Amino acid sequence: MFTKRRRLAALVAAVAAGLTLASGVSQASSTGSTGSTAPTGSGASAAAATDVPLHVMSYNLRYAGNTPPNAWADRRPVMREQLRESRPQLIGTQEGLYSQLQDIASDLGPAYDSIGLGREGGSKGEFMMIFFDQRRLQPLEYDHYWLSDTPDVIGSKTWAGCCPRMVTWVRFKDMATSKEFYAVNTHLEAFDATTRSKSADLILQRMAAFDPALPVIMTADFNEAAKPGVTVYDKLVTSGKFQDTWVTAERRSALYATFHGYKPLTPNGDRIDWILTTPGLRVSKASINTFSKDGQFPSDHLPVESWIHLV
């Protein structure tokens, strides 16, 4: 789902020229930067001016359905308000269905584009859609693979569990810092721990094909608690290649279980939705977004957010 190439090229050109974008939001304001631009020749000040955090969100959208009281028609306006208020520049989503993702793309507006594929191929099944703000991020390459013994076979499922599971990844250029990085987005199996473990192994194996000089940011619903002693967390974080942005963040919001099932929130509950990075990236803030309106939550998960510095 990569439909606005001409607009993207125009936006990239505008940013490169230092112009205000068509939406009326400048590069500095869209990234949350404050203060004036550093004078030319001021090395430390210039570096500070480009050290604008990338606002990243991981969000299990809860697939669209028509069953009250949490039908998509009721949830969509609340999610629209939440996303427009938060304005993350990179969103790794899980569970979204094609028509639902079209709604979200419309609600985010023309500054955003997306890359993804249905896990059963084409527009079929749930997506690991990655939305991104074109004013900040330029996609350079992308691909998909399936969490199975045949990862390049569309829709393949050779391990236990409910359904095919997949990964979507994109290599981006951050136009605020001129840095490149990989975004990896997935949703691990909910009902079989062995499959989750195999999935973590495959993700680490596939990372070997990435440029080792570039950092990786992973967004996902891991369906396991983020804590030592849990298999996937230990493979990816405790003894693995990643750091947990919730742990490394300089500031954090209140902690709630990220899955709530439309029931009252659980303080200090399990985080099964995480944002991970490879080492060396500063995280100035991490947050669990508890937005609701008139008792309606946008999803049965709370989105998690991190502000990640690429320089």
Protein backbone atom coordinates (compact mmCIF):
# COMPACT_ATOMS: atom_id res chain seq x y z
CA MET A 1 0.00 0.00 0.00
CA PHE A 2 2.30 2.66 -1.35
CA THR A 3 0.20 5.00 -3.38
CA LYS A 4 1.45 8.56 -3.23
CA ARG A 5 4.90 8.40 -4.86
CA ARG A 6 4.61 11.70 -6.70
CA ARG A 7 3.44 13.51 -3.61
CA LEU A 8 6.24 11.91 -1.62
CA ALA A 9 8.83 13.07 -4.14
CA ALA A 10 7.46 16.59 -3.99
CA LEU A 11 7.47 16.60 -0.20
CA VAL A 12 11.03 15.30 -0.08
CA ALA A 13 12.11 18.02 -2.47
CA ALA A 14 10.37 20.64 -0.35
CA VAL A 15 12.07 19.45 2.80
CA ALA A 16 15.45 19.35 1.08
CA ALA A 17 14.96 22.96 0.03
CA GLY A 18 14.04 23.93 3.58
CA LEU A 19 10.56 25.08 2.55
CA THR A 20 7.33 25.01 4.52
CA LEU A 21 5.31 22.01 3.42
CA ALA A 22 2.01 22.14 1.62
CA SER A 23 0.15 21.37 4.82
CA GLY A 24 1.50 24.55 6.37
CA VAL A 25 3.62 22.70 8.94
CA SER A 26 7.35 23.22 8.78
CA GLN A 27 9.89 20.44 9.29
CA ALA A 28 10.87 21.90 12.66
CA SER A 29 7.31 22.18 13.95
CA SER A 30 6.26 18.75 12.73
CA THR A 31 8.98 17.10 14.78
CA GLY A 32 8.27 19.02 17.95
CA SER A 33 11.51 21.01 17.79
CA THR A 34 11.59 24.24 19.76
CA GLY A 35 13.88 27.23 19.64
CA SER A 36 15.69 28.93 16.77
CA THR A 37 17.96 27.33 14.19
CA ALA A 38 21.62 27.29 15.16
CA PRO A 39 23.90 29.76 13.34
CA THR A 40 25.97 28.34 10.51
CA GLY A 41 29.33 27.14 11.75
CA SER A 42 28.22 26.45 15.30
CA GLY A 43 29.02 22.73 15.52
CA ALA A 44 27.47 21.92 18.90
CA SER A 45 24.41 24.08 18.30
CA ALA A 46 23.91 22.65 14.81
CA ALA A 47 24.06 19.11 16.19
CA ALA A 48 21.49 20.01 18.86
CA ALA A 49 19.21 21.49 16.22
CA THR A 50 19.15 18.21 14.31
CA ASP A 51 18.71 16.04 17.41
CA VAL A 52 14.93 16.08 17.18
CA PRO A 53 13.29 12.92 18.54
CA LEU A 54 11.37 10.60 16.27
CA HIS A 55 7.93 10.00 17.75
CA VAL A 56 7.17 6.29 17.37
CA MET A 57 3.95 4.45 18.23
CA SER A 58 3.09 0.74 18.36
CA TYR A 59 -0.64 0.15 18.12
CA ASN A 60 -2.77 -2.98 18.01
CA LEU A 61 -5.83 -1.47 16.37
CA ARG A 62 -8.28 -4.31 17.10
CA TYR A 63 -9.61 -5.45 13.76
CA ALA A 64 -12.74 -3.75 12.48
CA GLY A 65 -16.02 -5.38 13.44
CA ASN A 66 -19.68 -4.42 13.63
CA THR A 67 -20.53 -5.89 17.04
CA PRO A 68 -21.64 -3.34 19.67
CA PRO A 69 -20.57 -1.82 21.95
CA ASN A 70 -17.11 -1.62 20.38
CA ALA A 71 -17.89 -1.67 16.68
CA TRP A 72 -15.42 0.04 14.37
CA ALA A 73 -18.01 2.72 13.54
CA ASP A 74 -18.03 3.68 17.23
CA ARG A 75 -14.30 3.38 17.75
CA ARG A 76 -13.12 5.16 14.61
CA PRO A 77 -13.97 8.74 15.68
CA VAL A 78 -12.16 8.20 19.00
CA MET A 79 -9.10 6.75 17.28
CA ARG A 80 -9.14 9.62 14.78
CA GLU A 81 -9.03 12.13 17.62
CA GLN A 82 -6.33 10.18 19.43
CA LEU A 83 -4.04 9.92 16.40
CA ARG A 84 -4.56 13.55 15.38
CA GLU A 85 -3.75 14.64 18.91
CA SER A 86 -0.65 12.45 19.21
CA ARG A 87 0.65 12.81 15.62
CA PRO A 88 3.35 10.12 15.82
CA GLN A 89 5.72 10.18 12.87
CA LEU A 90 6.08 6.40 12.69
CA ILE A 91 3.24 4.01 13.60
CA GLY A 92 3.62 0.25 13.56
CA THR A 93 0.09 -1.15 13.56
CA GLN A 94 -1.23 -4.66 14.12
CA GLU A 95 -4.56 -6.35 13.28
CA GLY A 96 -5.80 -3.68 10.89
CA LEU A 97 -8.05 -4.82 8.03
CA TYR A 98 -7.82 -3.22 4.61
CA SER A 99 -10.95 -1.05 4.76
CA GLN A 100 -10.13 -0.07 8.34
CA LEU A 101 -6.62 0.97 7.33
CA GLN A 102 -8.07 3.04 4.51
CA ASP A 103 -10.20 4.84 7.11
CA ILE A 104 -7.13 5.48 9.27
CA ALA A 105 -5.15 6.75 6.28
CA SER A 106 -7.96 9.19 5.52
CA ASP A 107 -8.13 10.29 9.16
CA LEU A 108 -4.36 10.86 9.38
CA GLY A 109 -4.46 13.01 6.26
CA PRO A 110 -2.32 13.43 3.14
CA ALA A 111 0.94 14.05 5.01
CA TYR A 112 1.01 10.33 5.87
CA ASP A 113 1.66 7.32 3.68
CA SER A 114 1.76 3.61 4.55
CA ILE A 115 3.41 0.34 3.60
CA GLY A 116 1.90 -3.06 4.29
CA LEU A 117 0.39 -6.26 2.96
CA GLY A 118 -2.40 -8.52 4.18
CA ARG A 119 -1.01 -11.55 5.95
CA GLU A 120 -2.92 -13.83 3.57
CA GLY A 121 -1.69 -11.87 0.56
CA GLY A 122 -2.87 -8.70 -1.16
CA SER A 123 -5.65 -7.05 0.83
CA LYS A 124 -6.65 -10.30 2.58
CA GLY A 125 -6.37 -10.67 6.32
CA GLU A 126 -4.76 -8.51 8.95
CA PHE A 127 -1.90 -6.16 8.10
CA MET A 128 1.33 -5.20 9.84
CA MET A 129 0.85 -1.75 8.32
CA ILE A 130 3.51 0.89 8.90
CA PHE A 131 2.23 4.46 8.67
CA PHE A 132 4.75 7.28 8.39
CA ASP A 133 4.79 11.05 8.17
CA GLN A 134 6.26 11.92 4.77
CA ARG A 135 7.44 15.27 6.10
CA ARG A 136 9.88 13.40 8.32
CA LEU A 137 10.55 9.96 6.82
CA GLN A 138 11.46 8.78 3.33
CA PRO A 139 11.18 5.03 2.61
CA LEU A 140 14.19 3.60 0.79
CA GLU A 141 13.30 -0.10 0.66
CA TYR A 142 10.82 -2.51 2.24
CA ASP A 143 9.78 -6.14 2.34
CA HIS A 144 7.59 -8.68 4.12
CA TYR A 145 8.12 -12.20 5.41
CA TRP A 146 6.08 -14.80 7.26
CA LEU A 147 6.86 -16.31 10.64
CA SER A 148 7.09 -19.91 9.50
CA ASP A 149 9.55 -22.46 8.12
CA THR A 150 8.87 -20.95 4.68
CA PRO A 151 9.11 -17.22 5.42
CA ASP A 152 9.06 -16.10 1.79
CA VAL A 153 5.80 -17.93 1.02
CA ILE A 154 2.86 -15.56 1.28
CA GLY A 155 0.39 -16.63 3.94
CA SER A 156 2.50 -19.57 5.09
CA LYS A 157 1.85 -21.14 8.48
CA THR A 158 3.93 -24.15 9.50
CA TRP A 159 3.98 -23.63 13.27
CA ALA A 160 1.21 -23.96 15.82
CA GLY A 161 -1.20 -21.11 16.44
CA CYS A 162 -4.31 -19.46 15.21
CA CYS A 163 -3.25 -17.98 11.90
CA PRO A 164 -0.43 -16.82 9.65
CA ARG A 165 1.87 -14.28 11.27
CA MET A 166 4.20 -11.94 9.44
CA VAL A 167 6.71 -9.11 9.57
CA THR A 168 6.80 -5.89 7.56
CA TRP A 169 10.02 -3.89 7.53
CA VAL A 170 11.09 -0.61 5.95
CA ARG A 171 14.44 1.13 5.68
CA PHE A 172 13.84 4.84 6.17
CA LYS A 173 15.82 8.02 5.83
CA ASP A 174 15.02 10.53 8.56
CA MET A 175 14.99 13.87 6.79
CA ALA A 176 15.42 15.84 10.02
CA THR A 177 18.75 14.20 10.84
CA SER A 178 19.80 12.60 7.52
CA LYS A 179 20.13 9.33 9.43
CA GLU A 180 18.85 5.99 8.15
CA PHE A 181 17.27 3.20 10.17
CA TYR A 182 15.13 0.09 9.84
CA ALA A 183 11.56 -0.11 11.14
CA VAL A 184 10.36 -3.66 11.88
CA ASN A 185 6.72 -4.34 12.73
CA THR A 186 5.08 -7.61 13.75
CA HIS A 187 2.40 -9.35 15.81
CA LEU A 188 3.43 -12.61 17.45
CA GLU A 189 1.25 -15.66 18.02
CA ALA A 190 -1.19 -15.33 20.91
CA PHE A 191 -1.79 -18.93 21.92
CA ASP A 192 1.44 -20.91 21.50
CA ALA A 193 4.64 -20.02 23.35
CA THR A 194 6.84 -22.28 21.19
CA THR A 195 5.70 -20.44 18.07
CA ARG A 196 6.49 -17.11 19.69
CA SER A 197 9.97 -18.40 20.54
CA LYS A 198 10.57 -19.61 16.98
CA SER A 199 9.31 -16.27 15.68
CA ALA A 200 11.85 -14.38 17.79
CA ASP A 201 14.62 -16.61 16.44
CA LEU A 202 13.55 -15.96 12.85
CA ILE A 203 13.36 -12.21 13.35
CA LEU A 204 16.92 -12.19 14.70
CA GLN A 205 18.10 -14.36 11.79
CA ARG A 206 16.49 -12.07 9.23
CA MET A 207 18.14 -9.04 10.80
CA ALA A 208 21.48 -10.45 9.62
CA ALA A 209 20.59 -9.20 6.13
CA PHE A 210 20.24 -5.60 7.34
CA ASP A 211 23.08 -3.10 7.08
CA PRO A 212 24.79 -3.58 10.47
CA ALA A 213 25.70 0.10 10.59
CA LEU A 214 22.04 1.14 10.78
CA PRO A 215 19.88 1.04 13.92
CA VAL A 216 16.64 -0.94 14.11
CA ILE A 217 13.38 0.14 15.73
CA MET A 218 10.87 -2.67 16.33
CA THR A 219 7.19 -2.17 17.08
CA ALA A 220 5.00 -5.13 17.94
CA ASP A 221 2.29 -6.82 19.91
CA PHE A 222 4.50 -9.58 21.34
CA ASN A 223 1.70 -11.29 23.29
CA GLU A 224 4.11 -11.78 26.18
CA ALA A 225 4.97 -9.61 29.15
CA ALA A 226 8.02 -7.40 28.82
CA LYS A 227 10.16 -8.71 31.66
CA PRO A 228 13.21 -10.91 32.21
CA GLY A 229 12.41 -14.59 32.48
CA VAL A 230 9.89 -14.46 29.65
CA THR A 231 11.20 -16.35 26.60
CA VAL A 232 10.72 -13.79 23.83
CA TYR A 233 11.87 -10.89 26.01
CA ASP A 234 15.00 -12.81 26.99
CA LYS A 235 15.80 -13.72 23.38
CA LEU A 236 15.30 -10.21 22.04
CA VAL A 237 16.31 -8.05 25.01
CA THR A 238 17.89 -9.75 28.03
CA SER A 239 20.35 -11.76 25.94
CA GLY A 240 19.53 -10.33 22.54
CA LYS A 241 20.22 -7.47 20.18
CA PHE A 242 17.60 -5.04 21.46
CA GLN A 243 16.92 -2.60 24.24
CA ASP A 244 13.46 -1.95 25.68
CA THR A 245 12.61 1.73 25.22
CA TRP A 246 10.37 1.68 28.29
CA VAL A 247 13.39 0.70 30.38
CA THR A 248 15.93 3.01 28.71
CA ALA A 249 13.64 6.06 28.55
CA GLU A 250 14.68 9.10 30.57
CA ARG A 251 11.02 9.82 31.41
CA ARG A 252 7.94 7.60 31.49
CA SER A 253 4.21 7.94 31.84
CA ALA A 254 2.20 5.91 34.32
CA LEU A 255 2.30 2.18 33.59
CA TYR A 256 -0.83 0.26 32.66
CA ALA A 257 -1.37 -3.16 31.14
CA THR A 258 -1.40 -2.52 27.41
CA PHE A 259 -4.21 -5.01 26.77
CA HIS A 260 -7.41 -4.05 28.59
CA GLY A 261 -10.15 -5.73 26.56
CA TYR A 262 -12.41 -2.67 27.01
CA LYS A 263 -12.42 -3.21 30.76
CA PRO A 264 -11.06 -0.88 33.48
CA LEU A 265 -7.35 -0.22 33.09
CA THR A 266 -4.88 -2.21 35.19
CA PRO A 267 -2.19 -0.04 36.83
CA ASN A 268 1.30 -1.58 36.77
CA GLY A 269 0.03 -4.41 34.57
CA ASP A 270 1.89 -6.33 31.88
CA ARG A 271 3.19 -4.59 28.80
CA ILE A 272 2.61 -7.00 25.93
CA ASP A 273 3.08 -4.22 23.35
CA TRP A 274 6.67 -2.98 23.19
CA ILE A 275 8.95 -0.67 21.24
CA LEU A 276 12.52 -1.94 21.00
CA THR A 277 15.70 -0.45 19.54
CA THR A 278 19.18 -1.71 18.89
CA PRO A 279 21.71 -0.25 21.36
CA GLY A 280 23.05 3.27 21.14
CA LEU A 281 19.83 5.23 20.64
CA ARG A 282 18.72 7.70 23.27
CA VAL A 283 15.07 7.57 24.33
CA SER A 284 13.96 10.80 25.96
CA LYS A 285 10.41 9.67 26.79
CA ALA A 286 8.14 6.61 26.78
CA SER A 287 4.40 6.65 27.26
CA ILE A 288 1.32 4.45 27.38
CA ASN A 289 -1.51 6.36 25.76
CA THR A 290 -4.75 5.99 27.73
CA PHE A 291 -6.94 8.24 25.57
CA SER A 292 -10.66 7.51 25.60
CA LYS A 293 -13.79 9.57 25.08
CA ASP A 294 -17.15 9.21 26.80
CA GLY A 295 -16.10 5.78 28.01
CA GLN A 296 -15.13 4.56 24.53
CA PHE A 297 -11.59 3.31 23.95
CA PRO A 298 -10.30 3.31 20.35
CA SER A 299 -9.01 -0.28 20.69
CA ASP A 300 -8.76 -3.12 23.18
CA HIS A 301 -5.04 -2.31 23.44
CA LEU A 302 -3.40 0.90 24.61
CA PRO A 303 -0.85 2.23 22.14
CA VAL A 304 2.70 2.64 23.40
CA GLU A 305 4.88 5.56 22.34
CA SER A 306 8.58 6.42 22.44
CA TRP A 307 10.54 9.50 21.49
CA ILE A 308 13.74 8.15 19.98
CA HIS A 309 16.85 10.14 19.09
CA LEU A 310 18.77 8.89 16.08
CA VAL A 311 21.84 11.08 16.70
